[in-house]
Amino acid sequence: RQTVASCHPKTDVFSFGVVVFEIASGRHAVDLFFSEDKIILLDWVRRLSDNRKLLDAGDSRLLKGSYDNSDMKRLIHLALLYSLNNPIHRPNMK
Protein backbone atom coordinates (compact mmCIF):
# COMPACT_ATOMS: atom_id res chain seq x y z
CA ARG A 1 0.00 0.00 0.00
CA GLN A 2 1.38 3.38 -0.97
CA THR A 3 0.97 6.34 1.28
CA VAL A 4 1.03 9.94 0.24
CA ALA A 5 3.05 12.25 2.43
CA SER A 6 1.16 15.30 3.46
CA CYS A 7 2.32 18.33 1.59
CA HIS A 8 1.89 21.84 2.90
CA PRO A 9 0.82 24.54 0.42
CA LYS A 10 3.98 26.47 1.27
CA THR A 11 6.31 23.68 0.14
CA ASP A 12 6.74 25.61 -3.11
CA VAL A 13 7.74 28.66 -1.09
CA PHE A 14 10.54 26.64 0.54
CA SER A 15 11.71 25.36 -2.84
CA PHE A 16 11.72 28.90 -4.21
CA GLY A 17 13.91 29.95 -1.28
CA VAL A 18 16.42 27.25 -2.14
CA VAL A 19 16.50 28.41 -5.77
CA VAL A 20 17.12 31.99 -4.59
CA PHE A 21 20.03 30.72 -2.47
CA GLU A 22 21.46 28.93 -5.50
CA ILE A 23 21.23 32.07 -7.63
CA ALA A 24 22.70 34.38 -4.98
CA SER A 25 25.55 32.04 -4.04
CA GLY A 26 26.29 30.45 -7.40
CA ARG A 27 26.20 27.06 -5.70
CA HIS A 28 24.01 23.97 -5.82
CA ALA A 29 21.68 23.14 -2.91
CA VAL A 30 23.87 20.11 -2.17
CA ASP A 31 27.44 20.11 -3.38
CA LEU A 32 29.91 17.41 -2.33
CA PHE A 33 32.79 19.53 -3.66
CA PHE A 34 32.70 21.67 -0.50
CA SER A 35 33.89 20.81 2.99
CA GLU A 36 31.48 19.00 5.30
CA ASP A 37 30.24 22.20 6.95
CA LYS A 38 29.34 23.70 3.54
CA ILE A 39 27.87 20.70 1.69
CA ILE A 40 24.23 21.66 2.33
CA LEU A 41 23.74 25.21 1.10
CA LEU A 42 20.78 26.06 3.35
CA ASP A 43 22.60 24.97 6.53
CA TRP A 44 25.70 26.92 5.54
CA VAL A 45 23.75 30.13 4.85
CA ARG A 46 21.86 29.78 8.13
CA ARG A 47 25.16 29.53 10.00
CA LEU A 48 26.46 32.60 8.17
CA SER A 49 23.30 34.45 9.14
CA ASP A 50 23.67 33.42 12.78
CA ASN A 51 27.22 34.83 12.68
CA ARG A 52 26.09 38.03 10.90
CA LYS A 53 28.15 37.18 7.81
CA LEU A 54 25.31 37.02 5.29
CA LEU A 55 27.33 38.63 2.49
CA ASP A 56 29.78 35.71 2.63
CA ALA A 57 27.02 33.65 1.01
CA GLY A 58 27.12 35.80 -2.13
CA ASP A 59 28.70 34.33 -5.24
CA SER A 60 32.43 34.93 -4.86
CA ARG A 61 32.82 34.89 -8.65
CA LEU A 62 30.91 38.16 -8.98
CA LEU A 63 33.04 41.24 -9.34
CA LYS A 64 33.19 43.49 -6.32
CA GLY A 65 30.93 46.44 -6.94
CA SER A 66 28.83 44.58 -9.52
CA TYR A 67 25.95 44.48 -7.05
CA ASP A 68 24.81 46.52 -4.09
CA ASN A 69 25.64 44.81 -0.78
CA SER A 70 22.30 45.79 0.74
CA ASP A 71 20.49 44.22 -2.23
CA MET A 72 22.42 40.96 -1.79
CA LYS A 73 21.69 40.92 1.95
CA ARG A 74 18.00 41.55 1.25
CA LEU A 75 17.90 38.75 -1.34
CA ILE A 76 19.52 36.24 1.00
CA HIS A 77 17.35 37.36 3.90
CA LEU A 78 14.22 36.77 1.80
CA ALA A 79 15.49 33.32 0.88
CA LEU A 80 15.95 32.61 4.60
CA LEU A 81 12.32 33.61 5.20
CA TYR A 82 11.12 31.44 2.32
CA SER A 83 13.01 28.46 3.74
CA LEU A 84 11.95 28.64 7.37
CA ASN A 85 11.48 25.19 8.89
CA ASN A 86 7.89 25.85 9.94
CA PRO A 87 5.77 26.42 6.81
CA ILE A 88 3.29 28.53 8.74
CA HIS A 89 5.98 31.19 9.24
CA ARG A 90 6.98 31.35 5.56
CA PRO A 91 5.65 34.31 3.55
CA ASN A 92 3.09 33.86 0.81
CA MET A 93 4.19 33.94 -2.80
CA LYS A 94 1.60 36.60 -3.60
PDB file of N, CA and C in Angstrom:
ATOM      1  N   ARG A   1       0.823  -1.174   0.000  1.00  0.00           N
ATOM      2  CA  ARG A   1       0.000   0.000   0.000  1.00  0.00           C
ATOM      3  C   ARG A   1       0.876   1.249   0.000  1.00  0.00           C
ATOM      4  N   GLN A   2       0.632   2.133  -0.914  1.00  0.00           N
ATOM      5  CA  GLN A   2       1.383   3.381  -0.967  1.00  0.00           C
ATOM      6  C   GLN A   2       0.697   4.430  -0.103  1.00  0.00           C
ATOM      7  N   THR A   3       1.511   5.220   0.518  1.00  0.00           N
ATOM      8  CA  THR A   3       0.965   6.340   1.280  1.00  0.00           C
ATOM      9  C   THR A   3       1.470   7.627   0.660  1.00  0.00           C
ATOM     10  N   VAL A   4       0.664   8.630   0.770  1.00  0.00           N
ATOM     11  CA  VAL A   4       1.034   9.935   0.236  1.00  0.00           C
ATOM     12  C   VAL A   4       1.409  10.829   1.408  1.00  0.00           C
ATOM     13  N   ALA A   5       2.614  11.336   1.372  1.00  0.00           N
ATOM     14  CA  ALA A   5       3.053  12.246   2.428  1.00  0.00           C
ATOM     15  C   ALA A   5       2.254  13.532   2.336  1.00  0.00           C
ATOM     16  N   SER A   6       1.908  14.047   3.490  1.00  0.00           N
ATOM     17  CA  SER A   6       1.163  15.296   3.458  1.00  0.00           C
ATOM     18  C   SER A   6       2.089  16.402   2.980  1.00  0.00           C
ATOM     19  N   CYS A   7       1.552  17.257   2.180  1.00  0.00           N
ATOM     20  CA  CYS A   7       2.321  18.333   1.594  1.00  0.00           C
ATOM     21  C   CYS A   7       1.652  19.653   1.956  1.00  0.00           C
ATOM     22  N   HIS A   8       2.419  20.532   2.502  1.00  0.00           N
ATOM     23  CA  HIS A   8       1.894  21.835   2.899  1.00  0.00           C
ATOM     24  C   HIS A   8       1.880  22.753   1.675  1.00  0.00           C
ATOM     25  N   PRO A   9       0.878  23.610   1.568  1.00  0.00           N
ATOM     26  CA  PRO A   9       0.823  24.537   0.419  1.00  0.00           C
ATOM     27  C   PRO A   9       2.076  25.409   0.273  1.00  0.00           C
ATOM     28  N   LYS A  10       2.805  25.606   1.356  1.00  0.00           N
ATOM     29  CA  LYS A  10       3.981  26.466   1.271  1.00  0.00           C
ATOM     30  C   LYS A  10       5.269  25.695   0.985  1.00  0.00           C
ATOM     31  N   THR A  11       5.136  24.450   0.546  1.00  0.00           N
ATOM     32  CA  THR A  11       6.311  23.684   0.137  1.00  0.00           C
ATOM     33  C   THR A  11       6.986  24.363  -1.050  1.00  0.00           C
ATOM     34  N   ASP A  12       6.188  24.903  -1.964  1.00  0.00           N
ATOM     35  CA  ASP A  12       6.743  25.615  -3.114  1.00  0.00           C
ATOM     36  C   ASP A  12       7.508  26.855  -2.680  1.00  0.00           C
ATOM     37  N   VAL A  13       7.051  27.492  -1.606  1.00  0.00           N
ATOM     38  CA  VAL A  13       7.740  28.664  -1.085  1.00  0.00           C
ATOM     39  C   VAL A  13       9.145  28.263  -0.623  1.00  0.00           C
ATOM     40  N   PHE A  14       9.238  27.147   0.081  1.00  0.00           N
ATOM     41  CA  PHE A  14      10.536  26.640   0.541  1.00  0.00           C
ATOM     42  C   PHE A  14      11.451  26.378  -0.656  1.00  0.00           C
ATOM     43  N   SER A  15      10.914  25.692  -1.650  1.00  0.00           N
ATOM     44  CA  SER A  15      11.711  25.365  -2.844  1.00  0.00           C
ATOM     45  C   SER A  15      12.193  26.627  -3.540  1.00  0.00           C
ATOM     46  N   PHE A  16      11.327  27.629  -3.607  1.00  0.00           N
ATOM     47  CA  PHE A  16      11.718  28.897  -4.210  1.00  0.00           C
ATOM     48  C   PHE A  16      12.876  29.517  -3.425  1.00  0.00           C
ATOM     49  N   GLY A  17      12.828  29.437  -2.104  1.00  0.00           N
ATOM     50  CA  GLY A  17      13.908  29.954  -1.276  1.00  0.00           C
ATOM     51  C   GLY A  17      15.228  29.284  -1.592  1.00  0.00           C
ATOM     52  N   VAL A  18      15.199  27.982  -1.795  1.00  0.00           N
ATOM     53  CA  VAL A  18      16.423  27.246  -2.136  1.00  0.00           C
ATOM     54  C   VAL A  18      16.956  27.707  -3.497  1.00  0.00           C
ATOM     55  N   VAL A  19      16.073  27.918  -4.447  1.00  0.00           N
ATOM     56  CA  VAL A  19      16.498  28.409  -5.767  1.00  0.00           C
ATOM     57  C   VAL A  19      17.131  29.798  -5.640  1.00  0.00           C
ATOM     58  N   VAL A  20      16.545  30.658  -4.815  1.00  0.00           N
ATOM     59  CA  VAL A  20      17.119  31.991  -4.592  1.00  0.00           C
ATOM     60  C   VAL A  20      18.520  31.869  -3.988  1.00  0.00           C
ATOM     61  N   PHE A  21      18.695  30.961  -3.027  1.00  0.00           N
ATOM     62  CA  PHE A  21      20.035  30.722  -2.467  1.00  0.00           C
ATOM     63  C   PHE A  21      21.009  30.304  -3.559  1.00  0.00           C
ATOM     64  N   GLU A  22      20.579  29.415  -4.431  1.00  0.00           N
ATOM     65  CA  GLU A  22      21.460  28.931  -5.496  1.00  0.00           C
ATOM     66  C   GLU A  22      21.874  30.067  -6.427  1.00  0.00           C
ATOM     67  N   ILE A  23      20.928  30.940  -6.747  1.00  0.00           N
ATOM     68  CA  ILE A  23      21.226  32.070  -7.631  1.00  0.00           C
ATOM     69  C   ILE A  23      22.181  33.044  -6.948  1.00  0.00           C
ATOM     70  N   ALA A  24      21.886  33.396  -5.694  1.00  0.00           N
ATOM     71  CA  ALA A  24      22.700  34.380  -4.978  1.00  0.00           C
ATOM     72  C   ALA A  24      24.117  33.874  -4.711  1.00  0.00           C
ATOM     73  N   SER A  25      24.240  32.582  -4.421  1.00  0.00           N
ATOM     74  CA  SER A  25      25.548  32.038  -4.039  1.00  0.00           C
ATOM     75  C   SER A  25      26.327  31.446  -5.212  1.00  0.00           C
ATOM     76  N   GLY A  26      25.631  31.116  -6.286  1.00  0.00           N
ATOM     77  CA  GLY A  26      26.293  30.453  -7.404  1.00  0.00           C
ATOM     78  C   GLY A  26      26.614  29.000  -7.113  1.00  0.00           C
ATOM     79  N   ARG A  27      25.952  28.442  -6.105  1.00  0.00           N
ATOM     80  CA  ARG A  27      26.201  27.055  -5.696  1.00  0.00           C
ATOM     81  C   ARG A  27      24.947  26.212  -5.844  1.00  0.00           C
ATOM     82  N   HIS A  28      25.133  24.906  -5.826  1.00  0.00           N
ATOM     83  CA  HIS A  28      24.009  23.972  -5.819  1.00  0.00           C
ATOM     84  C   HIS A  28      23.522  23.793  -4.386  1.00  0.00           C
ATOM     85  N   ALA A  29      22.266  23.354  -4.243  1.00  0.00           N
ATOM     86  CA  ALA A  29      21.683  23.143  -2.915  1.00  0.00           C
ATOM     87  C   ALA A  29      22.490  22.122  -2.112  1.00  0.00           C
ATOM     88  N   VAL A  30      22.988  21.105  -2.790  1.00  0.00           N
ATOM     89  CA  VAL A  30      23.870  20.106  -2.171  1.00  0.00           C
ATOM     90  C   VAL A  30      25.065  19.951  -3.101  1.00  0.00           C
ATOM     91  N   ASP A  31      26.245  20.151  -2.547  1.00  0.00           N
ATOM     92  CA  ASP A  31      27.441  20.108  -3.375  1.00  0.00           C
ATOM     93  C   ASP A  31      28.567  19.416  -2.607  1.00  0.00           C
ATOM     94  N   LEU A  32      28.894  18.210  -3.015  1.00  0.00           N
ATOM     95  CA  LEU A  32      29.911  17.413  -2.328  1.00  0.00           C
ATOM     96  C   LEU A  32      31.327  17.937  -2.541  1.00  0.00           C
ATOM     97  N   PHE A  33      31.490  18.927  -3.408  1.00  0.00           N
ATOM     98  CA  PHE A  33      32.787  19.534  -3.662  1.00  0.00           C
ATOM     99  C   PHE A  33      33.281  20.316  -2.440  1.00  0.00           C
ATOM    100  N   PHE A  34      32.345  20.835  -1.647  1.00  0.00           N
ATOM    101  CA  PHE A  34      32.702  21.674  -0.504  1.00  0.00           C
ATOM    102  C   PHE A  34      32.975  20.846   0.741  1.00  0.00           C
ATOM    103  N   SER A  35      33.609  21.486   1.725  1.00  0.00           N
ATOM    104  CA  SER A  35      33.893  20.811   2.989  1.00  0.00           C
ATOM    105  C   SER A  35      32.588  20.451   3.683  1.00  0.00           C
ATOM    106  N   GLU A  36      32.664  19.551   4.638  1.00  0.00           N
ATOM    107  CA  GLU A  36      31.478  18.999   5.296  1.00  0.00           C
ATOM    108  C   GLU A  36      30.540  20.073   5.843  1.00  0.00           C
ATOM    109  N   ASP A  37      31.085  21.158   6.366  1.00  0.00           N
ATOM    110  CA  ASP A  37      30.236  22.201   6.953  1.00  0.00           C
ATOM    111  C   ASP A  37      29.581  23.096   5.903  1.00  0.00           C
ATOM    112  N   LYS A  38      29.911  22.878   4.620  1.00  0.00           N
ATOM    113  CA  LYS A  38      29.339  23.695   3.539  1.00  0.00           C
ATOM    114  C   LYS A  38      28.611  22.867   2.487  1.00  0.00           C
ATOM    115  N   ILE A  39      28.472  21.567   2.695  1.00  0.00           N
ATOM    116  CA  ILE A  39      27.867  20.702   1.685  1.00  0.00           C
ATOM    117  C   ILE A  39      26.410  21.097   1.421  1.00  0.00           C
ATOM    118  N   ILE A  40      25.641  21.306   2.482  1.00  0.00           N
ATOM    119  CA  ILE A  40      24.227  21.655   2.327  1.00  0.00           C
ATOM    120  C   ILE A  40      24.112  23.173   2.384  1.00  0.00           C
ATOM    121  N   LEU A  41      23.754  23.763   1.260  1.00  0.00           N
ATOM    122  CA  LEU A  41      23.740  25.209   1.102  1.00  0.00           C
ATOM    123  C   LEU A  41      22.890  25.907   2.156  1.00  0.00           C
ATOM    124  N   LEU A  42      21.688  25.419   2.399  1.00  0.00           N
ATOM    125  CA  LEU A  42      20.785  26.057   3.351  1.00  0.00           C
ATOM    126  C   LEU A  42      21.395  26.100   4.753  1.00  0.00           C
ATOM    127  N   ASP A  43      21.977  25.001   5.195  1.00  0.00           N
ATOM    128  CA  ASP A  43      22.602  24.970   6.528  1.00  0.00           C
ATOM    129  C   ASP A  43      23.761  25.962   6.613  1.00  0.00           C
ATOM    130  N   TRP A  44      24.554  26.018   5.573  1.00  0.00           N
ATOM    131  CA  TRP A  44      25.704  26.918   5.540  1.00  0.00           C
ATOM    132  C   TRP A  44      25.246  28.382   5.628  1.00  0.00           C
ATOM    133  N   VAL A  45      24.229  28.744   4.840  1.00  0.00           N
ATOM    134  CA  VAL A  45      23.749  30.132   4.853  1.00  0.00           C
ATOM    135  C   VAL A  45      23.125  30.470   6.203  1.00  0.00           C
ATOM    136  N   ARG A  46      22.429  29.525   6.799  1.00  0.00           N
ATOM    137  CA  ARG A  46      21.855  29.778   8.127  1.00  0.00           C
ATOM    138  C   ARG A  46      22.958  30.044   9.156  1.00  0.00           C
ATOM    139  N   ARG A  47      24.046  29.292   9.076  1.00  0.00           N
ATOM    140  CA  ARG A  47      25.164  29.534   9.997  1.00  0.00           C
ATOM    141  C   ARG A  47      25.784  30.907   9.754  1.00  0.00           C
ATOM    142  N   LEU A  48      25.938  31.266   8.487  1.00  0.00           N
ATOM    143  CA  LEU A  48      26.464  32.600   8.172  1.00  0.00           C
ATOM    144  C   LEU A  48      25.544  33.681   8.737  1.00  0.00           C
ATOM    145  N   SER A  49      24.260  33.480   8.606  1.00  0.00           N
ATOM    146  CA  SER A  49      23.297  34.445   9.136  1.00  0.00           C
ATOM    147  C   SER A  49      23.415  34.557  10.650  1.00  0.00           C
ATOM    148  N   ASP A  50      23.521  33.425  11.311  1.00  0.00           N
ATOM    149  CA  ASP A  50      23.674  33.422  12.777  1.00  0.00           C
ATOM    150  C   ASP A  50      24.919  34.195  13.215  1.00  0.00           C
ATOM    151  N   ASN A  51      25.956  34.145  12.373  1.00  0.00           N
ATOM    152  CA  ASN A  51      27.220  34.832  12.682  1.00  0.00           C
ATOM    153  C   ASN A  51      27.307  36.224  12.053  1.00  0.00           C
ATOM    154  N   ARG A  52      26.175  36.695  11.531  1.00  0.00           N
ATOM    155  CA  ARG A  52      26.094  38.029  10.903  1.00  0.00           C
ATOM    156  C   ARG A  52      27.109  38.193   9.768  1.00  0.00           C
ATOM    157  N   LYS A  53      27.233  37.147   8.948  1.00  0.00           N
ATOM    158  CA  LYS A  53      28.151  37.175   7.807  1.00  0.00           C
ATOM    159  C   LYS A  53      27.400  36.824   6.530  1.00  0.00           C
ATOM    160  N   LEU A  54      26.193  37.367   6.396  1.00  0.00           N
ATOM    161  CA  LEU A  54      25.313  37.023   5.294  1.00  0.00           C
ATOM    162  C   LEU A  54      25.950  37.263   3.925  1.00  0.00           C
ATOM    163  N   LEU A  55      26.719  38.326   3.788  1.00  0.00           N
ATOM    164  CA  LEU A  55      27.334  38.628   2.494  1.00  0.00           C
ATOM    165  C   LEU A  55      28.333  37.570   2.053  1.00  0.00           C
ATOM    166  N   ASP A  56      28.856  36.791   2.996  1.00  0.00           N
ATOM    167  CA  ASP A  56      29.782  35.711   2.631  1.00  0.00           C
ATOM    168  C   ASP A  56      29.090  34.638   1.793  1.00  0.00           C
ATOM    169  N   ALA A  57      27.766  34.626   1.804  1.00  0.00           N
ATOM    170  CA  ALA A  57      27.018  33.651   1.008  1.00  0.00           C
ATOM    171  C   ALA A  57      26.905  34.069  -0.453  1.00  0.00           C
ATOM    172  N   GLY A  58      27.202  35.331  -0.741  1.00  0.00           N
ATOM    173  CA  GLY A  58      27.124  35.803  -2.125  1.00  0.00           C
ATOM    174  C   GLY A  58      28.148  35.107  -3.005  1.00  0.00           C
ATOM    175  N   ASP A  59      27.826  35.001  -4.267  1.00  0.00           N
ATOM    176  CA  ASP A  59      28.698  34.334  -5.238  1.00  0.00           C
ATOM    177  C   ASP A  59      30.049  35.037  -5.295  1.00  0.00           C
ATOM    178  N   SER A  60      31.090  34.338  -4.902  1.00  0.00           N
ATOM    179  CA  SER A  60      32.430  34.928  -4.859  1.00  0.00           C
ATOM    180  C   SER A  60      32.988  35.203  -6.258  1.00  0.00           C
ATOM    181  N   ARG A  61      32.350  34.661  -7.279  1.00  0.00           N
ATOM    182  CA  ARG A  61      32.818  34.886  -8.649  1.00  0.00           C
ATOM    183  C   ARG A  61      32.358  36.231  -9.203  1.00  0.00           C
ATOM    184  N   LEU A  62      31.384  36.858  -8.526  1.00  0.00           N
ATOM    185  CA  LEU A  62      30.906  38.159  -8.983  1.00  0.00           C
ATOM    186  C   LEU A  62      31.943  39.228  -8.670  1.00  0.00           C
ATOM    187  N   LEU A  63      32.085  40.160  -9.548  1.00  0.00           N
ATOM    188  CA  LEU A  63      33.036  41.243  -9.340  1.00  0.00           C
ATOM    189  C   LEU A  63      32.577  42.140  -8.203  1.00  0.00           C
ATOM    190  N   LYS A  64      33.517  42.548  -7.392  1.00  0.00           N
ATOM    191  CA  LYS A  64      33.186  43.495  -6.323  1.00  0.00           C
ATOM    192  C   LYS A  64      32.633  44.756  -6.968  1.00  0.00           C
ATOM    193  N   GLY A  65      31.557  45.243  -6.403  1.00  0.00           N
ATOM    194  CA  GLY A  65      30.928  46.441  -6.936  1.00  0.00           C
ATOM    195  C   GLY A  65      29.933  46.167  -8.044  1.00  0.00           C
ATOM    196  N   SER A  66      29.787  44.891  -8.444  1.00  0.00           N
ATOM    197  CA  SER A  66      28.832  44.579  -9.515  1.00  0.00           C
ATOM    198  C   SER A  66      27.405  44.458  -8.984  1.00  0.00           C
ATOM    199  N   TYR A  67      27.266  44.490  -7.676  1.00  0.00           N
ATOM    200  CA  TYR A  67      25.947  44.484  -7.052  1.00  0.00           C
ATOM    201  C   TYR A  67      26.027  45.294  -5.762  1.00  0.00           C
ATOM    202  N   ASP A  68      24.879  45.760  -5.330  1.00  0.00           N
ATOM    203  CA  ASP A  68      24.809  46.524  -4.089  1.00  0.00           C
ATOM    204  C   ASP A  68      24.736  45.545  -2.919  1.00  0.00           C
ATOM    205  N   ASN A  69      25.612  45.724  -1.924  1.00  0.00           N
ATOM    206  CA  ASN A  69      25.643  44.806  -0.783  1.00  0.00           C
ATOM    207  C   ASN A  69      24.300  44.710  -0.078  1.00  0.00           C
ATOM    208  N   SER A  70      23.600  45.828   0.054  1.00  0.00           N
ATOM    209  CA  SER A  70      22.304  45.786   0.740  1.00  0.00           C
ATOM    210  C   SER A  70      21.288  44.983  -0.061  1.00  0.00           C
ATOM    211  N   ASP A  71      21.382  45.027  -1.396  1.00  0.00           N
ATOM    212  CA  ASP A  71      20.487  44.217  -2.228  1.00  0.00           C
ATOM    213  C   ASP A  71      20.769  42.725  -2.048  1.00  0.00           C
ATOM    214  N   MET A  72      22.062  42.367  -1.983  1.00  0.00           N
ATOM    215  CA  MET A  72      22.419  40.965  -1.791  1.00  0.00           C
ATOM    216  C   MET A  72      21.947  40.480  -0.422  1.00  0.00           C
ATOM    217  N   LYS A  73      22.156  41.293   0.609  1.00  0.00           N
ATOM    218  CA  LYS A  73      21.686  40.920   1.948  1.00  0.00           C
ATOM    219  C   LYS A  73      20.169  40.724   1.946  1.00  0.00           C
ATOM    220  N   ARG A  74      19.463  41.629   1.306  1.00  0.00           N
ATOM    221  CA  ARG A  74      18.000  41.545   1.250  1.00  0.00           C
ATOM    222  C   ARG A  74      17.562  40.273   0.523  1.00  0.00           C
ATOM    223  N   LEU A  75      18.229  39.957  -0.574  1.00  0.00           N
ATOM    224  CA  LEU A  75      17.898  38.755  -1.340  1.00  0.00           C
ATOM    225  C   LEU A  75      18.103  37.495  -0.502  1.00  0.00           C
ATOM    226  N   ILE A  76      19.228  37.413   0.176  1.00  0.00           N
ATOM    227  CA  ILE A  76      19.520  36.235   0.996  1.00  0.00           C
ATOM    228  C   ILE A  76      18.587  36.176   2.197  1.00  0.00           C
ATOM    229  N   HIS A  77      18.287  37.326   2.769  1.00  0.00           N
ATOM    230  CA  HIS A  77      17.353  37.362   3.903  1.00  0.00           C
ATOM    231  C   HIS A  77      15.971  36.860   3.477  1.00  0.00           C
ATOM    232  N   LEU A  78      15.510  37.273   2.298  1.00  0.00           N
ATOM    233  CA  LEU A  78      14.222  36.773   1.801  1.00  0.00           C
ATOM    234  C   LEU A  78      14.265  35.262   1.606  1.00  0.00           C
ATOM    235  N   ALA A  79      15.366  34.768   1.068  1.00  0.00           N
ATOM    236  CA  ALA A  79      15.494  33.318   0.885  1.00  0.00           C
ATOM    237  C   ALA A  79      15.442  32.598   2.225  1.00  0.00           C
ATOM    238  N   LEU A  80      16.028  33.198   3.258  1.00  0.00           N
ATOM    239  CA  LEU A  80      15.947  32.609   4.598  1.00  0.00           C
ATOM    240  C   LEU A  80      14.499  32.556   5.079  1.00  0.00           C
ATOM    241  N   LEU A  81      13.749  33.607   4.816  1.00  0.00           N
ATOM    242  CA  LEU A  81      12.325  33.614   5.200  1.00  0.00           C
ATOM    243  C   LEU A  81      11.546  32.550   4.439  1.00  0.00           C
ATOM    244  N   TYR A  82      11.821  32.436   3.142  1.00  0.00           N
ATOM    245  CA  TYR A  82      11.122  31.438   2.321  1.00  0.00           C
ATOM    246  C   TYR A  82      11.431  30.013   2.783  1.00  0.00           C
ATOM    247  N   SER A  83      12.586  29.816   3.379  1.00  0.00           N
ATOM    248  CA  SER A  83      13.014  28.457   3.735  1.00  0.00           C
ATOM    249  C   SER A  83      12.951  28.179   5.238  1.00  0.00           C
ATOM    250  N   LEU A  84      12.120  28.929   5.944  1.00  0.00           N
ATOM    251  CA  LEU A  84      11.946  28.644   7.374  1.00  0.00           C
ATOM    252  C   LEU A  84      11.447  27.222   7.568  1.00  0.00           C
ATOM    253  N   ASN A  85      11.871  26.578   8.636  1.00  0.00           N
ATOM    254  CA  ASN A  85      11.476  25.191   8.886  1.00  0.00           C
ATOM    255  C   ASN A  85       9.969  25.029   9.027  1.00  0.00           C
ATOM    256  N   ASN A  86       9.330  25.946   9.736  1.00  0.00           N
ATOM    257  CA  ASN A  86       7.885  25.853   9.942  1.00  0.00           C
ATOM    258  C   ASN A  86       7.172  26.548   8.784  1.00  0.00           C
ATOM    259  N   PRO A  87       6.422  25.818   7.972  1.00  0.00           N
ATOM    260  CA  PRO A  87       5.775  26.419   6.807  1.00  0.00           C
ATOM    261  C   PRO A  87       4.791  27.533   7.156  1.00  0.00           C
ATOM    262  N   ILE A  88       4.246  27.492   8.333  1.00  0.00           N
ATOM    263  CA  ILE A  88       3.288  28.526   8.736  1.00  0.00           C
ATOM    264  C   ILE A  88       3.961  29.898   8.795  1.00  0.00           C
ATOM    265  N   HIS A  89       5.259  29.926   9.108  1.00  0.00           N
ATOM    266  CA  HIS A  89       5.984  31.189   9.237  1.00  0.00           C
ATOM    267  C   HIS A  89       6.551  31.704   7.918  1.00  0.00           C
ATOM    268  N   ARG A  90       6.469  30.913   6.864  1.00  0.00           N
ATOM    269  CA  ARG A  90       6.978  31.349   5.557  1.00  0.00           C
ATOM    270  C   ARG A  90       6.015  32.362   4.947  1.00  0.00           C
ATOM    271  N   PRO A  91       6.546  33.343   4.211  1.00  0.00           N
ATOM    272  CA  PRO A  91       5.655  34.308   3.553  1.00  0.00           C
ATOM    273  C   PRO A  91       4.889  33.653   2.407  1.00  0.00           C
ATOM    274  N   ASN A  92       3.833  34.309   1.984  1.00  0.00           N
ATOM    275  CA  ASN A  92       3.089  33.861   0.811  1.00  0.00           C
ATOM    276  C   ASN A  92       3.839  34.263  -0.447  1.00  0.00           C
ATOM    277  N   MET A  93       3.553  33.606  -1.532  1.00  0.00           N
ATOM    278  CA  MET A  93       4.188  33.938  -2.799  1.00  0.00           C
ATOM    279  C   MET A  93       3.464  35.083  -3.515  1.00  0.00           C
ATOM    280  N   LYS A  94       2.372  35.528  -2.961  1.00  0.00           N
ATOM    281  CA  LYS A  94       1.605  36.605  -3.600  1.00  0.00           C
ATOM    282  C   LYS A  94       2.324  37.916  -3.554  1.00  0.00           C
TER     283      LYS A  94
END
